[in-house]
Amino acid sequence: MRFDRDAHLRGCRRELSILLCTVLFRAAGLEWYEQGDAWHLIAQHRPSPADMPRGRLEAMAESLRLLMSTDFASDGPPLSEIGPLPFTAEWAGAFHRAAHTAVFNE
């Protein structure tokens, strides 16, 4: 059975964007609370619908916390060849390099 990368990406674009932004924030040296400030600024541009049930918001918050605390290092479990996201290792590396270039002028 062949892995359909494009189909997999269509199903997890939002989650992948959270993971890659987390890589960017960590590589820029942001501490946990500074990352929270960055996410707050992002959320101001993408507010949740006013009629979203509280239970759904709470479940989403827990899912986001798990994504934001994932070990997404270049050699970490998600990016390893046996992990769920090996095809994103290059992207994660690009986000990491972009943060270092922007912050540390490397």
Protein backbone atom coordinates (compact mmCIF):
# COMPACT_ATOMS: atom_id res chain seq x y z
CA MET A 1 0.00 0.00 0.00
CA ARG A 2 1.43 3.37 -1.05
CA PHE A 3 1.40 6.33 1.34
CA ASP A 4 -0.49 9.23 -0.23
CA ARG A 5 1.35 12.24 1.20
CA ASP A 6 -0.96 14.79 -0.43
CA ALA A 7 -4.09 13.15 0.95
CA HIS A 8 -2.47 12.97 4.38
CA LEU A 9 -1.60 16.68 4.22
CA ARG A 10 -5.14 17.66 3.28
CA GLY A 11 -6.32 16.02 6.48
CA CYS A 12 -3.87 17.70 8.83
CA ARG A 13 -3.01 21.15 7.47
CA ARG A 14 -4.13 23.00 10.59
CA GLU A 15 -2.26 20.69 12.92
CA LEU A 16 0.86 20.84 10.79
CA SER A 17 0.76 24.65 10.77
CA ILE A 18 0.66 24.62 14.59
CA LEU A 19 3.62 22.25 14.75
CA LEU A 20 5.70 24.23 12.25
CA CYS A 21 4.98 27.55 13.94
CA THR A 22 6.00 25.94 17.23
CA VAL A 23 9.30 24.93 15.60
CA LEU A 24 9.74 28.54 14.46
CA PHE A 25 9.00 29.99 17.92
CA ARG A 26 11.31 27.56 19.71
CA ALA A 27 14.15 28.08 17.24
CA ALA A 28 13.78 31.83 17.76
CA GLY A 29 14.43 31.22 21.45
CA LEU A 30 10.97 32.13 22.68
CA GLU A 31 10.15 30.77 26.13
CA TRP A 32 6.83 29.03 26.82
CA TYR A 33 5.04 32.24 27.91
CA GLU A 34 6.48 34.22 25.02
CA GLN A 35 5.16 31.55 22.68
CA GLY A 36 1.78 32.00 24.37
CA ASP A 37 1.94 35.72 23.65
CA ALA A 38 2.67 34.98 19.98
CA TRP A 39 -0.26 32.56 19.79
CA HIS A 40 -2.50 35.17 21.42
CA LEU A 41 -1.59 37.69 18.71
CA ILE A 42 -2.31 35.09 16.03
CA ALA A 43 -5.66 34.21 17.64
CA GLN A 44 -6.71 37.86 17.53
CA HIS A 45 -6.57 37.61 13.73
CA ARG A 46 -8.48 34.30 13.65
CA PRO A 47 -11.21 34.50 16.30
CA SER A 48 -13.39 31.49 17.05
CA PRO A 49 -17.06 31.69 16.06
CA ALA A 50 -19.14 33.31 18.81
CA ASP A 51 -21.57 30.38 18.84
CA MET A 52 -18.91 27.66 19.30
CA PRO A 53 -19.94 25.35 22.16
CA ARG A 54 -17.78 25.61 25.29
CA GLY A 55 -17.07 21.86 25.25
CA ARG A 56 -15.65 22.09 21.75
CA LEU A 57 -13.42 25.02 22.77
CA GLU A 58 -12.12 23.07 25.78
CA ALA A 59 -11.38 20.00 23.64
CA MET A 60 -9.64 22.15 21.05
CA ALA A 61 -7.55 23.84 23.76
CA GLU A 62 -6.34 20.46 25.04
CA SER A 63 -5.49 19.28 21.51
CA LEU A 64 -3.59 22.50 20.83
CA ARG A 65 -1.67 22.17 24.11
CA LEU A 66 -0.55 18.69 23.06
CA LEU A 67 0.54 19.93 19.63
CA MET A 68 2.40 22.90 21.08
CA SER A 69 4.29 20.71 23.56
CA THR A 70 5.29 18.02 21.04
CA ASP A 71 9.01 17.25 20.66
CA PHE A 72 9.41 18.39 17.07
CA ALA A 73 13.20 18.37 17.03
CA SER A 74 14.82 17.34 13.76
CA ASP A 75 15.68 13.96 15.25
CA GLY A 76 12.54 13.70 17.40
CA PRO A 77 9.96 10.91 17.15
CA PRO A 78 7.45 12.64 14.80
CA LEU A 79 10.09 13.33 12.14
CA SER A 80 11.95 10.03 12.31
CA GLU A 81 11.55 7.57 9.45
CA ILE A 82 9.18 5.46 11.54
CA GLY A 83 7.28 8.49 12.89
CA PRO A 84 4.04 9.90 11.48
CA LEU A 85 5.58 12.96 9.76
CA PRO A 86 8.92 12.05 8.18
CA PHE A 87 8.03 13.95 5.00
CA THR A 88 7.88 17.22 6.97
CA ALA A 89 11.46 17.07 8.28
CA GLU A 90 12.70 19.38 5.51
CA TRP A 91 9.94 21.88 6.26
CA ALA A 92 10.71 21.83 9.98
CA GLY A 93 14.38 22.40 9.15
CA ALA A 94 13.46 25.37 6.96
CA PHE A 95 11.36 26.91 9.75
CA HIS A 96 14.23 26.35 12.19
CA ARG A 97 16.75 27.99 9.85
CA ALA A 98 14.39 30.90 9.16
CA ALA A 99 14.09 31.64 12.87
CA HIS A 100 17.85 31.50 13.35
CA THR A 101 18.39 33.78 10.36
CA ALA A 102 15.80 36.30 11.56
CA VAL A 103 16.83 36.34 15.22
CA PHE A 104 20.50 35.48 15.30
CA ASN A 105 21.51 36.66 11.79
CA GLU A 106 23.04 33.24 11.10
